[in-house]
C-alpha atoms as a PDB file:
ATOM      1  CA  UNK A   1       1.093   9.409   4.400  1.00  0.00           C
ATOM      2  CA  UNK A   2       2.216   5.843   5.192  1.00  0.00           C
ATOM      3  CA  UNK A   3       5.881   6.881   5.475  1.00  0.00           C
ATOM      4  CA  UNK A   4       4.954   9.855   7.642  1.00  0.00           C
ATOM      5  CA  UNK A   5       2.994   7.684  10.076  1.00  0.00           C
ATOM      6  CA  UNK A   6       5.928   5.302  10.463  1.00  0.00           C
ATOM      7  CA  UNK A   7       8.189   8.165  11.547  1.00  0.00           C
ATOM      8  CA  UNK A   8       5.872   9.715  14.136  1.00  0.00           C
ATOM      9  CA  UNK A   9       6.757   7.277  16.918  1.00  0.00           C
ATOM     10  CA  UNK A  10      10.490   7.937  16.610  1.00  0.00           C
ATOM     11  CA  UNK A  11      10.259  11.671  15.957  1.00  0.00           C
ATOM     12  CA  UNK A  12       8.231  12.763  18.998  1.00  0.00           C
ATOM     13  CA  UNK A  13       9.397  12.945  22.593  1.00  0.00           C
ATOM     14  CA  UNK A  14       5.913  12.890  24.117  1.00  0.00           C
ATOM     15  CA  UNK A  15       2.923  10.708  23.313  1.00  0.00           C
ATOM     16  CA  UNK A  16       0.604  13.736  23.383  1.00  0.00           C
ATOM     17  CA  UNK A  17       2.441  15.314  20.447  1.00  0.00           C
ATOM     18  CA  UNK A  18       2.138  12.060  18.493  1.00  0.00           C
ATOM     19  CA  UNK A  19      -1.591  11.892  19.222  1.00  0.00           C
ATOM     20  CA  UNK A  20      -2.017  15.446  17.946  1.00  0.00           C
ATOM     21  CA  UNK A  21      -0.328  14.506  14.680  1.00  0.00           C
ATOM     22  CA  UNK A  22      -2.486  11.417  14.308  1.00  0.00           C
ATOM     23  CA  UNK A  23      -5.594  13.497  14.973  1.00  0.00           C
ATOM     24  CA  UNK A  24      -4.523  15.846  12.175  1.00  0.00           C
ATOM     25  CA  UNK A  25      -4.545  12.929   9.741  1.00  0.00           C
ATOM     26  CA  UNK A  26      -7.865  11.602  11.002  1.00  0.00           C
ATOM     27  CA  UNK A  27      -9.373  15.030  10.348  1.00  0.00           C
ATOM     28  CA  UNK A  28      -7.613  15.224   6.987  1.00  0.00           C
ATOM     29  CA  UNK A  29      -9.060  11.873   5.877  1.00  0.00           C
ATOM     30  CA  UNK A  30     -12.560  12.953   6.877  1.00  0.00           C
ATOM     31  CA  UNK A  31     -12.158  16.192   4.908  1.00  0.00           C
ATOM     32  CA  UNK A  32     -10.746  14.321   1.903  1.00  0.00           C
ATOM     33  CA  UNK A  33     -13.872  12.183   1.737  1.00  0.00           C
ATOM     34  CA  UNK A  34     -16.004  15.349   1.949  1.00  0.00           C
ATOM     35  CA  UNK A  35     -14.141  16.666  -1.099  1.00  0.00           C
ATOM     36  CA  UNK A  36     -12.616  19.376   1.088  1.00  0.00           C
ATOM     37  CA  UNK A  37      -8.938  18.323   1.278  1.00  0.00           C
ATOM     38  CA  UNK A  38      -6.593  20.461   3.418  1.00  0.00           C
ATOM     39  CA  UNK A  39      -4.079  22.640   1.607  1.00  0.00           C
ATOM     40  CA  UNK A  40      -1.300  20.138   2.097  1.00  0.00           C
ATOM     41  CA  UNK A  41       0.492  18.210  -0.700  1.00  0.00           C
ATOM     42  CA  UNK A  42      -0.011  14.691   0.702  1.00  0.00           C
ATOM     43  CA  UNK A  43      -3.686  15.365   1.449  1.00  0.00           C
ATOM     44  CA  UNK A  44      -4.188  16.693  -2.072  1.00  0.00           C
ATOM     45  CA  UNK A  45      -2.658  13.583  -3.645  1.00  0.00           C
ATOM     46  CA  UNK A  46      -4.702  11.374  -1.324  1.00  0.00           C
ATOM     47  CA  UNK A  47      -7.872  13.202  -2.410  1.00  0.00           C
ATOM     48  CA  UNK A  48      -6.983  12.550  -6.053  1.00  0.00           C
ATOM     49  CA  UNK A  49      -6.396   8.857  -5.344  1.00  0.00           C
ATOM     50  CA  UNK A  50      -9.706   8.576  -3.482  1.00  0.00           C
ATOM     51  CA  UNK A  51     -11.597  10.178  -6.352  1.00  0.00           C
ATOM     52  CA  UNK A  52      -9.863   8.090  -8.998  1.00  0.00           C
ATOM     53  CA  UNK A  53      -9.933   4.685  -7.312  1.00  0.00           C
ATOM     54  CA  UNK A  54     -12.878   5.100  -4.886  1.00  0.00           C
ATOM     55  CA  UNK A  55     -10.745   4.044  -1.931  1.00  0.00           C
ATOM     56  CA  UNK A  56     -12.410   2.868   1.274  1.00  0.00           C
ATOM     57  CA  UNK A  57     -12.174   5.389   4.109  1.00  0.00           C
ATOM     58  CA  UNK A  58     -12.234   2.625   6.693  1.00  0.00           C
ATOM     59  CA  UNK A  59      -8.848   1.253   5.595  1.00  0.00           C
ATOM     60  CA  UNK A  60      -7.185   4.669   5.899  1.00  0.00           C
ATOM     61  CA  UNK A  61      -8.662   5.340   9.334  1.00  0.00           C
ATOM     62  CA  UNK A  62      -7.781   1.814  10.425  1.00  0.00           C
ATOM     63  CA  UNK A  63      -4.105   2.401   9.646  1.00  0.00           C
ATOM     64  CA  UNK A  64      -4.088   5.712  11.546  1.00  0.00           C
ATOM     65  CA  UNK A  65      -5.921   4.263  14.563  1.00  0.00           C
ATOM     66  CA  UNK A  66      -3.545   1.314  14.859  1.00  0.00           C
ATOM     67  CA  UNK A  67      -0.487   3.558  14.543  1.00  0.00           C
ATOM     68  CA  UNK A  68      -2.043   5.725  17.251  1.00  0.00           C
ATOM     69  CA  UNK A  69      -2.321   2.727  19.587  1.00  0.00           C
ATOM     70  CA  UNK A  70       1.310   1.859  18.850  1.00  0.00           C
ATOM     71  CA  UNK A  71       2.419   5.162  20.397  1.00  0.00           C
ATOM     72  CA  UNK A  72       2.135   3.455  23.804  1.00  0.00           C
ATOM     73  CA  UNK A  73       5.698   2.232  23.144  1.00  0.00           C
ATOM     74  CA  UNK A  74       5.435  -1.193  24.760  1.00  0.00           C
ATOM     75  CA  UNK A  75       6.251  -4.730  23.722  1.00  0.00           C
ATOM     76  CA  UNK A  76       3.570  -6.946  22.193  1.00  0.00           C
ATOM     77  CA  UNK A  77       2.065  -9.251  24.805  1.00  0.00           C
ATOM     78  CA  UNK A  78       1.960 -12.210  22.429  1.00  0.00           C
ATOM     79  CA  UNK A  79       2.346 -13.200  18.807  1.00  0.00           C
ATOM     80  CA  UNK A  80      -1.380 -12.760  18.186  1.00  0.00           C
ATOM     81  CA  UNK A  81      -1.139  -9.110  19.231  1.00  0.00           C
ATOM     82  CA  UNK A  82       1.706  -8.594  16.762  1.00  0.00           C
ATOM     83  CA  UNK A  83      -0.383 -10.254  14.052  1.00  0.00           C
ATOM     84  CA  UNK A  84      -3.305  -7.967  14.859  1.00  0.00           C
ATOM     85  CA  UNK A  85      -1.090  -4.900  14.525  1.00  0.00           C
ATOM     86  CA  UNK A  86       0.277  -6.229  11.236  1.00  0.00           C
ATOM     87  CA  UNK A  87      -3.232  -6.944  10.003  1.00  0.00           C
ATOM     88  CA  UNK A  88      -4.531  -3.482  10.811  1.00  0.00           C
ATOM     89  CA  UNK A  89      -1.592  -1.687   9.185  1.00  0.00           C
ATOM     90  CA  UNK A  90       0.173  -3.755   6.523  1.00  0.00           C
ATOM     91  CA  UNK A  91      -2.917  -5.644   5.331  1.00  0.00           C
ATOM     92  CA  UNK A  92      -4.968  -2.457   5.190  1.00  0.00           C
ATOM     93  CA  UNK A  93      -2.338  -0.974   2.884  1.00  0.00           C
ATOM     94  CA  UNK A  94      -2.509  -4.061   0.658  1.00  0.00           C
ATOM     95  CA  UNK A  95      -6.302  -3.776   0.522  1.00  0.00           C
ATOM     96  CA  UNK A  96      -5.944  -0.160  -0.636  1.00  0.00           C
ATOM     97  CA  UNK A  97      -3.517  -1.328  -3.328  1.00  0.00           C
ATOM     98  CA  UNK A  98      -6.059  -3.917  -4.444  1.00  0.00           C
ATOM     99  CA  UNK A  99      -8.664  -1.190  -4.740  1.00  0.00           C
ATOM    100  CA  UNK A 100      -6.261   0.887  -6.845  1.00  0.00           C
ATOM    101  CA  UNK A 101      -5.770  -2.140  -9.088  1.00  0.00           C
ATOM    102  CA  UNK A 102      -9.480  -2.595  -9.629  1.00  0.00           C
ATOM    103  CA  UNK A 103     -10.314  -5.177  -6.969  1.00  0.00           C
ATOM    104  CA  UNK A 104     -12.895  -2.907  -5.287  1.00  0.00           C
ATOM    105  CA  UNK A 105     -16.418  -4.039  -4.460  1.00  0.00           C
ATOM    106  CA  UNK A 106     -19.747  -2.999  -2.995  1.00  0.00           C
ATOM    107  CA  UNK A 107     -19.680  -4.785   0.326  1.00  0.00           C
ATOM    108  CA  UNK A 108     -20.492  -1.454   2.000  1.00  0.00           C
ATOM    109  CA  UNK A 109     -24.034  -2.127   0.794  1.00  0.00           C
ATOM    110  CA  UNK A 110     -24.477  -4.601   3.644  1.00  0.00           C
ATOM    111  CA  UNK A 111     -23.520  -1.934   6.191  1.00  0.00           C
ATOM    112  CA  UNK A 112     -25.936   0.479   4.567  1.00  0.00           C
ATOM    113  CA  UNK A 113     -28.783  -2.046   4.609  1.00  0.00           C
ATOM    114  CA  UNK A 114     -28.149  -2.867   8.259  1.00  0.00           C
ATOM    115  CA  UNK A 115     -28.138   0.816   9.102  1.00  0.00           C
ATOM    116  CA  UNK A 116     -31.378   1.462   7.195  1.00  0.00           C
ATOM    117  CA  UNK A 117     -33.256  -1.685   8.238  1.00  0.00           C
ATOM    118  CA  UNK A 118     -31.933  -2.169  11.738  1.00  0.00           C
ATOM    119  CA  UNK A 119     -30.694  -5.435  13.243  1.00  0.00           C
ATOM    120  CA  UNK A 120     -34.283  -6.488  13.900  1.00  0.00           C
ATOM    121  CA  UNK A 121     -34.546  -7.129  10.161  1.00  0.00           C
ATOM    122  CA  UNK A 122     -31.430  -9.311  10.102  1.00  0.00           C
ATOM    123  CA  UNK A 123     -33.354 -12.424   9.090  1.00  0.00           C
ATOM    124  CA  UNK A 124     -34.911 -10.646   6.123  1.00  0.00           C
ATOM    125  CA  UNK A 125     -31.507  -9.371   5.097  1.00  0.00           C
ATOM    126  CA  UNK A 126     -29.964 -12.849   5.229  1.00  0.00           C
ATOM    127  CA  UNK A 127     -32.768 -14.276   3.099  1.00  0.00           C
ATOM    128  CA  UNK A 128     -32.396 -11.411   0.641  1.00  0.00           C
ATOM    129  CA  UNK A 129     -28.624 -11.766   0.316  1.00  0.00           C
ATOM    130  CA  UNK A 130     -28.822 -15.522  -0.131  1.00  0.00           C
ATOM    131  CA  UNK A 131     -31.484 -15.073  -2.784  1.00  0.00           C
ATOM    132  CA  UNK A 132     -29.467 -12.429  -4.632  1.00  0.00           C
ATOM    133  CA  UNK A 133     -26.062 -14.044  -4.314  1.00  0.00           C
ATOM    134  CA  UNK A 134     -26.910 -17.719  -4.399  1.00  0.00           C
ATOM    135  CA  UNK A 135     -25.567 -20.425  -2.086  1.00  0.00           C
ATOM    136  CA  UNK A 136     -22.311 -20.528  -4.031  1.00  0.00           C
ATOM    137  CA  UNK A 137     -21.425 -17.222  -2.310  1.00  0.00           C
ATOM    138  CA  UNK A 138     -22.137 -18.573   1.171  1.00  0.00           C
ATOM    139  CA  UNK A 139     -18.497 -18.275   2.202  1.00  0.00           C
ATOM    140  CA  UNK A 140     -18.307 -14.584   1.278  1.00  0.00           C
ATOM    141  CA  UNK A 141     -21.665 -13.919   2.929  1.00  0.00           C
ATOM    142  CA  UNK A 142     -20.691 -15.498   6.242  1.00  0.00           C
ATOM    143  CA  UNK A 143     -17.410 -13.567   6.392  1.00  0.00           C
ATOM    144  CA  UNK A 144     -19.183 -10.340   5.546  1.00  0.00           C
ATOM    145  CA  UNK A 145     -22.021 -10.755   8.051  1.00  0.00           C
ATOM    146  CA  UNK A 146     -19.623 -11.719  10.836  1.00  0.00           C
ATOM    147  CA  UNK A 147     -17.593  -8.629  10.040  1.00  0.00           C
ATOM    148  CA  UNK A 148     -20.585  -6.287   9.878  1.00  0.00           C
ATOM    149  CA  UNK A 149     -22.417  -7.662  12.900  1.00  0.00           C
ATOM    150  CA  UNK A 150     -19.579  -8.720  15.162  1.00  0.00           C
ATOM    151  CA  UNK A 151     -19.108 -11.991  16.998  1.00  0.00           C
ATOM    152  CA  UNK A 152     -21.710 -10.985  19.599  1.00  0.00           C
ATOM    153  CA  UNK A 153     -24.357 -11.843  17.005  1.00  0.00           C
ATOM    154  CA  UNK A 154     -22.809 -15.220  16.178  1.00  0.00           C
ATOM    155  CA  UNK A 155     -25.604 -17.302  17.709  1.00  0.00           C
ATOM    156  CA  UNK A 156     -28.308 -15.348  15.887  1.00  0.00           C
ATOM    157  CA  UNK A 157     -26.390 -15.648  12.646  1.00  0.00           C
ATOM    158  CA  UNK A 158     -25.995 -19.411  13.025  1.00  0.00           C
ATOM    159  CA  UNK A 159     -29.703 -19.891  13.645  1.00  0.00           C
ATOM    160  CA  UNK A 160     -30.615 -17.692  10.693  1.00  0.00           C
ATOM    161  CA  UNK A 161     -28.253 -19.408   8.273  1.00  0.00           C
ATOM    162  CA  UNK A 162     -29.454 -22.848   9.342  1.00  0.00           C
ATOM    163  CA  UNK A 163     -33.034 -21.685   8.881  1.00  0.00           C
ATOM    164  CA  UNK A 164     -32.296 -20.206   5.462  1.00  0.00           C
ATOM    165  CA  UNK A 165     -30.135 -23.047   4.183  1.00  0.00           C
ATOM    166  CA  UNK A 166     -31.708 -26.061   5.796  1.00  0.00           C
ATOM    167  CA  UNK A 167     -30.100 -28.754   7.941  1.00  0.00           C
ATOM    168  CA  UNK A 168     -28.501 -30.377   4.911  1.00  0.00           C
ATOM    169  CA  UNK A 169     -25.904 -27.575   4.979  1.00  0.00           C
ATOM    170  CA  UNK A 170     -25.206 -27.905   8.694  1.00  0.00           C
ATOM    171  CA  UNK A 171     -21.785 -29.535   8.469  1.00  0.00           C
ATOM    172  CA  UNK A 172     -20.573 -27.136   5.773  1.00  0.00           C
ATOM    173  CA  UNK A 173     -21.763 -24.196   7.833  1.00  0.00           C
ATOM    174  CA  UNK A 174     -19.931 -25.360  10.962  1.00  0.00           C
ATOM    175  CA  UNK A 175     -16.629 -25.717   9.103  1.00  0.00           C
ATOM    176  CA  UNK A 176     -17.137 -22.334   7.492  1.00  0.00           C
ATOM    177  CA  UNK A 177     -17.867 -20.564  10.764  1.00  0.00           C
ATOM    178  CA  UNK A 178     -14.797 -22.115  12.376  1.00  0.00           C
ATOM    179  CA  UNK A 179     -12.689 -20.823   9.522  1.00  0.00           C
ATOM    180  CA  UNK A 180     -14.251 -17.365   9.671  1.00  0.00           C
ATOM    181  CA  UNK A 181     -13.833 -16.995  13.427  1.00  0.00           C
ATOM    182  CA  UNK A 182     -10.196 -17.991  13.296  1.00  0.00           C
ATOM    183  CA  UNK A 183      -9.464 -15.085  10.983  1.00  0.00           C
ATOM    184  CA  UNK A 184     -11.866 -12.466  12.283  1.00  0.00           C
ATOM    185  CA  UNK A 185     -10.488 -12.905  15.800  1.00  0.00           C
ATOM    186  CA  UNK A 186      -7.195 -11.520  14.490  1.00  0.00           C
ATOM    187  CA  UNK A 187      -8.598  -8.799  12.276  1.00  0.00           C
ATOM    188  CA  UNK A 188     -11.761  -6.808  12.741  1.00  0.00           C
ATOM    189  CA  UNK A 189     -12.155  -5.654   9.156  1.00  0.00           C
ATOM    190  CA  UNK A 190     -10.181  -8.040   6.970  1.00  0.00           C
ATOM    191  CA  UNK A 191     -13.086  -9.278   4.884  1.00  0.00           C
ATOM    192  CA  UNK A 192     -14.665  -5.953   3.945  1.00  0.00           C
ATOM    193  CA  UNK A 193     -13.125  -6.375   0.486  1.00  0.00           C
ATOM    194  CA  UNK A 194     -15.015  -9.572  -0.284  1.00  0.00           C
ATOM    195  CA  UNK A 195     -16.915  -9.359  -3.516  1.00  0.00           C
ATOM    196  CA  UNK A 196     -20.520 -10.136  -2.642  1.00  0.00           C
ATOM    197  CA  UNK A 197     -22.347  -8.872  -5.685  1.00  0.00           C
ATOM    198  CA  UNK A 198     -21.084 -10.971  -8.566  1.00  0.00           C
ATOM    199  CA  UNK A 199     -17.281 -10.889  -8.382  1.00  0.00           C
ATOM    200  CA  UNK A 200     -15.494 -13.313  -6.077  1.00  0.00           C
ATOM    201  CA  UNK A 201     -12.161 -12.195  -4.668  1.00  0.00           C
ATOM    202  CA  UNK A 202     -12.125 -14.347  -1.550  1.00  0.00           C
ATOM    203  CA  UNK A 203      -8.730 -15.815  -2.357  1.00  0.00           C
ATOM    204  CA  UNK A 204      -7.174 -12.392  -3.009  1.00  0.00           C
ATOM    205  CA  UNK A 205      -8.452 -11.167   0.352  1.00  0.00           C
ATOM    206  CA  UNK A 206      -7.159 -14.244   2.152  1.00  0.00           C
ATOM    207  CA  UNK A 207      -3.772 -13.789   0.518  1.00  0.00           C
ATOM    208  CA  UNK A 208      -3.676 -10.090   1.446  1.00  0.00           C
ATOM    209  CA  UNK A 209      -4.533 -10.934   5.034  1.00  0.00           C
ATOM    210  CA  UNK A 210      -1.688 -13.422   5.418  1.00  0.00           C
ATOM    211  CA  UNK A 211       0.821 -11.279   3.508  1.00  0.00           C
ATOM    212  CA  UNK A 212       0.070  -8.344   5.797  1.00  0.00           C
ATOM    213  CA  UNK A 213       0.654 -10.488   8.874  1.00  0.00           C
ATOM    214  CA  UNK A 214       3.895 -11.890   7.462  1.00  0.00           C
ATOM    215  CA  UNK A 215       5.116  -8.404   6.562  1.00  0.00           C
ATOM    216  CA  UNK A 216       4.373  -7.039  10.022  1.00  0.00           C
ATOM    217  CA  UNK A 217       6.183  -9.915  11.741  1.00  0.00           C
ATOM    218  CA  UNK A 218       9.226  -9.652   9.467  1.00  0.00           C
ATOM    219  CA  UNK A 219       9.356  -5.879   9.970  1.00  0.00           C
ATOM    220  CA  UNK A 220       9.356  -6.408  13.741  1.00  0.00           C
ATOM    221  CA  UNK A 221      12.253  -8.873  13.425  1.00  0.00           C
ATOM    222  CA  UNK A 222      14.274  -6.694  11.052  1.00  0.00           C
ATOM    223  CA  UNK A 223      13.890  -3.694  13.347  1.00  0.00           C
ATOM    224  CA  UNK A 224      15.010  -5.588  16.448  1.00  0.00           C
ATOM    225  CA  UNK A 225      18.707  -4.526  16.232  1.00  0.00           C
ATOM    226  CA  UNK A 226      17.675  -0.892  15.755  1.00  0.00           C
ATOM    227  CA  UNK A 227      15.184  -0.964  18.610  1.00  0.00           C
ATOM    228  CA  UNK A 228      17.665  -2.781  20.852  1.00  0.00           C
ATOM    229  CA  UNK A 229      20.240  -0.049  20.250  1.00  0.00           C
ATOM    230  CA  UNK A 230      17.689   2.362  21.704  1.00  0.00           C
ATOM    231  CA  UNK A 231      17.016   0.012  24.653  1.00  0.00           C
ATOM    232  CA  UNK A 232      13.582  -0.951  23.390  1.00  0.00           C
ATOM    233  CA  UNK A 233      12.206  -4.426  22.655  1.00  0.00           C
ATOM    234  CA  UNK A 234       8.910  -5.032  20.871  1.00  0.00           C
ATOM    235  CA  UNK A 235       9.066  -8.796  20.312  1.00  0.00           C
ATOM    236  CA  UNK A 236       6.122 -10.794  21.738  1.00  0.00           C
ATOM    237  CA  UNK A 237       6.653 -11.263  25.459  1.00  0.00           C
ATOM    238  CA  UNK A 238       5.039 -14.696  25.611  1.00  0.00           C
ATOM    239  CA  UNK A 239       7.551 -16.146  23.125  1.00  0.00           C
ATOM    240  CA  UNK A 240      10.452 -14.564  25.028  1.00  0.00           C
ATOM    241  CA  UNK A 241       9.190 -16.005  28.312  1.00  0.00           C
ATOM    242  CA  UNK A 242       8.719 -19.430  26.742  1.00  0.00           C
ATOM    243  CA  UNK A 243      12.444 -19.635  25.948  1.00  0.00           C
ATOM    244  CA  UNK A 244      13.673 -17.774  29.016  1.00  0.00           C
ATOM    245  CA  UNK A 245      14.965 -14.778  27.060  1.00  0.00           C
ATOM    246  CA  UNK A 246      14.741 -11.379  28.740  1.00  0.00           C
ATOM    247  CA  UNK A 247      14.515  -7.951  27.167  1.00  0.00           C
ATOM    248  CA  UNK A 248      18.014  -7.280  28.474  1.00  0.00           C
ATOM    249  CA  UNK A 249      19.316 -10.152  26.324  1.00  0.00           C
ATOM    250  CA  UNK A 250      18.119  -8.354  23.208  1.00  0.00           C
ATOM    251  CA  UNK A 251      19.303  -4.949  24.409  1.00  0.00           C
ATOM    252  CA  UNK A 252      22.805  -6.407  24.901  1.00  0.00           C
ATOM    253  CA  UNK A 253      22.641  -7.959  21.419  1.00  0.00           C
ATOM    254  CA  UNK A 254      23.006 -11.452  22.853  1.00  0.00           C
ATOM    255  CA  UNK A 255      23.507 -14.262  20.351  1.00  0.00           C
ATOM    256  CA  UNK A 256      22.747 -17.074  22.793  1.00  0.00           C
ATOM    257  CA  UNK A 257      20.608 -20.052  21.817  1.00  0.00           C
ATOM    258  CA  UNK A 258      17.573 -18.844  23.786  1.00  0.00           C
ATOM    259  CA  UNK A 259      17.553 -15.607  21.760  1.00  0.00           C
ATOM    260  CA  UNK A 260      17.849 -17.579  18.517  1.00  0.00           C
ATOM    261  CA  UNK A 261      14.946 -19.791  19.615  1.00  0.00           C
ATOM    262  CA  UNK A 262      12.731 -16.720  20.049  1.00  0.00           C
ATOM    263  CA  UNK A 263      13.669 -15.489  16.576  1.00  0.00           C
ATOM    264  CA  UNK A 264      13.071 -18.972  15.138  1.00  0.00           C
ATOM    265  CA  UNK A 265       9.526 -19.154  16.535  1.00  0.00           C
ATOM    266  CA  UNK A 266       8.592 -15.683  15.292  1.00  0.00           C
ATOM    267  CA  UNK A 267      10.197 -16.172  11.871  1.00  0.00           C
ATOM    268  CA  UNK A 268       8.450 -19.534  11.513  1.00  0.00           C
ATOM    269  CA  UNK A 269       5.083 -17.863  12.048  1.00  0.00           C
ATOM    270  CA  UNK A 270       5.877 -15.346   9.302  1.00  0.00           C
ATOM    271  CA  UNK A 271       6.882 -18.212   7.004  1.00  0.00           C
ATOM    272  CA  UNK A 272       3.589 -20.002   7.689  1.00  0.00           C
ATOM    273  CA  UNK A 273       1.603 -16.902   6.707  1.00  0.00           C
ATOM    274  CA  UNK A 274       3.726 -16.453   3.589  1.00  0.00           C
ATOM    275  CA  UNK A 275       3.197 -20.030   2.454  1.00  0.00           C
ATOM    276  CA  UNK A 276      -0.506 -19.832   3.216  1.00  0.00           C
ATOM    277  CA  UNK A 277      -0.811 -16.688   1.112  1.00  0.00           C
ATOM    278  CA  UNK A 278       0.944 -18.348  -1.795  1.00  0.00           C
ATOM    279  CA  UNK A 279      -1.328 -21.364  -1.595  1.00  0.00           C
ATOM    280  CA  UNK A 280      -4.066 -19.121  -3.055  1.00  0.00           C
ATOM    281  CA  UNK A 281      -1.913 -17.927  -5.978  1.00  0.00           C
ATOM    282  CA  UNK A 282      -3.644 -20.043  -8.616  1.00  0.00           C
ATOM    283  CA  UNK A 283      -7.009 -18.522  -7.676  1.00  0.00           C
ATOM    284  CA  UNK A 284      -5.954 -14.905  -7.169  1.00  0.00           C
ATOM    285  CA  UNK A 285      -6.850 -12.509 -10.039  1.00  0.00           C
ATOM    286  CA  UNK A 286      -3.788 -11.712 -12.147  1.00  0.00           C
ATOM    287  CA  UNK A 287      -4.299  -7.981 -11.650  1.00  0.00           C
ATOM    288  CA  UNK A 288      -3.806  -8.413  -7.909  1.00  0.00           C
ATOM    289  CA  UNK A 289      -0.369 -10.052  -8.154  1.00  0.00           C
ATOM    290  CA  UNK A 290       1.473  -6.741  -8.424  1.00  0.00           C
ATOM    291  CA  UNK A 291       0.133  -5.747  -4.985  1.00  0.00           C
ATOM    292  CA  UNK A 292       1.665  -8.890  -3.482  1.00  0.00           C
ATOM    293  CA  UNK A 293       5.230  -8.571  -4.806  1.00  0.00           C
ATOM    294  CA  UNK A 294       6.514  -7.650  -1.344  1.00  0.00           C
ATOM    295  CA  UNK A 295       6.489 -11.397  -0.678  1.00  0.00           C
ATOM    296  CA  UNK A 296       9.794 -11.530  -2.584  1.00  0.00           C
ATOM    297  CA  UNK A 297      11.446  -9.240  -0.025  1.00  0.00           C
ATOM    298  CA  UNK A 298       9.864 -11.106   2.884  1.00  0.00           C
ATOM    299  CA  UNK A 299      11.064 -14.465   1.590  1.00  0.00           C
ATOM    300  CA  UNK A 300      14.549 -13.075   1.021  1.00  0.00           C
ATOM    301  CA  UNK A 301      14.863 -11.908   4.634  1.00  0.00           C
ATOM    302  CA  UNK A 302      13.496 -15.156   6.057  1.00  0.00           C
ATOM    303  CA  UNK A 303      15.989 -17.161   4.016  1.00  0.00           C
ATOM    304  CA  UNK A 304      18.892 -14.959   5.105  1.00  0.00           C
ATOM    305  CA  UNK A 305      17.956 -15.120   8.782  1.00  0.00           C
ATOM    306  CA  UNK A 306      17.720 -18.916   8.444  1.00  0.00           C
ATOM    307  CA  UNK A 307      21.216 -19.071   6.914  1.00  0.00           C
ATOM    308  CA  UNK A 308      22.414 -16.949   9.856  1.00  0.00           C
ATOM    309  CA  UNK A 309      21.028 -19.640  12.190  1.00  0.00           C
ATOM    310  CA  UNK A 310      18.327 -17.210  13.352  1.00  0.00           C
ATOM    311  CA  UNK A 311      20.847 -14.792  14.785  1.00  0.00           C
ATOM    312  CA  UNK A 312      18.938 -11.545  14.278  1.00  0.00           C
ATOM    313  CA  UNK A 313      22.101  -9.546  15.104  1.00  0.00           C
ATOM    314  CA  UNK A 314      24.254 -11.253  12.446  1.00  0.00           C
ATOM    315  CA  UNK A 315      26.176  -8.659  10.362  1.00  0.00           C
ATOM    316  CA  UNK A 316      25.063 -10.275   7.082  1.00  0.00           C
ATOM    317  CA  UNK A 317      21.463  -9.230   7.743  1.00  0.00           C
ATOM    318  CA  UNK A 318      22.477  -5.569   7.459  1.00  0.00           C
ATOM    319  CA  UNK A 319      23.484  -6.022   3.810  1.00  0.00           C
ATOM    320  CA  UNK A 320      21.052  -5.686   0.925  1.00  0.00           C
ATOM    321  CA  UNK A 321      20.594  -8.565  -1.495  1.00  0.00           C
ATOM    322  CA  UNK A 322      21.507  -7.211  -4.968  1.00  0.00           C
ATOM    323  CA  UNK A 323      19.394  -9.942  -6.597  1.00  0.00           C
ATOM    324  CA  UNK A 324      16.108  -8.747  -5.089  1.00  0.00           C
ATOM    325  CA  UNK A 325      15.294  -6.333  -7.979  1.00  0.00           C
ATOM    326  CA  UNK A 326      15.863  -9.151 -10.481  1.00  0.00           C
ATOM    327  CA  UNK A 327      13.670 -11.500  -8.421  1.00  0.00           C
ATOM    328  CA  UNK A 328      10.943  -8.852  -8.298  1.00  0.00           C
ATOM    329  CA  UNK A 329      11.124  -8.426 -12.075  1.00  0.00           C
ATOM    330  CA  UNK A 330      11.003 -12.192 -12.590  1.00  0.00           C
ATOM    331  CA  UNK A 331       7.914 -12.613 -10.389  1.00  0.00           C
ATOM    332  CA  UNK A 332       6.254  -9.671 -12.096  1.00  0.00           C
ATOM    333  CA  UNK A 333       7.012 -11.139 -15.528  1.00  0.00           C
ATOM    334  CA  UNK A 334       5.641 -14.535 -14.489  1.00  0.00           C
ATOM    335  CA  UNK A 335       2.607 -12.798 -12.931  1.00  0.00           C
ATOM    336  CA  UNK A 336       3.074 -14.642  -9.650  1.00  0.00           C
ATOM    337  CA  UNK A 337       3.914 -13.637  -6.115  1.00  0.00           C
END
């Protein structure tokens, strides 16, 4: 399904046809979760995976919806928009992999409680969750409530948490909310996989979030020569404007310094996300490492583009690194990413 979605944009001549195909998959996902999968091989295998691993429907629909938006065929306005796209596609896929590996949870319970009780009972729900989870799970709780309620309820949430926790936790709460808002602004659903009922996978979720962003940014860079050959440029416009590089520069395959500066800034952002993800490695469950092995490929490309002095059109970037399979095996053997 993932591979099929990636090909829709390039295989259709009209956006309407692409939207029809995306709607087919939205309907298929809904039917899969009703145990009525369409008579189609991919849908059948997806149904089996959902039944076996209890996959979250939201992640599948999130991928389809974001791919649907991408049919507009325009450049990203800024780097944050590219990160959002990466988060909603690449990170969602990583979250599904985590669920297949046994990192699933019951955070949907919060949504269910909010639906049953109504937002007027938010204070009771906060008290209940704090009582059940304990203050040691405050971080997970804040992420989860922000995700379920949305930032429009931020003020109410702050008041409630201060009331529940007491003023002695005020400074910790402020730092925590700042951290949560920085992430949730880029991704609407990134923390749905937080374990809030006993198991704590906060670090695995943080790592998945940053790996997804890094993967999306690197994919955008790697595809630049291909897109340029078709007279299309999807690199963030704000970074291009900052260095005075036009879309025509990329379409012509220019190797001027201003083009290299754009690539440097974008690649640096991917590197930051990659390093941030790896900073959690000592706290990430061992079972989750196999879902993060794509970091080997990401690091390999970033190193090669650096050796090419950030010339994204350098011929060496078209060649595969024969050592990547060995590096993947080594990381897998060491149980690291």
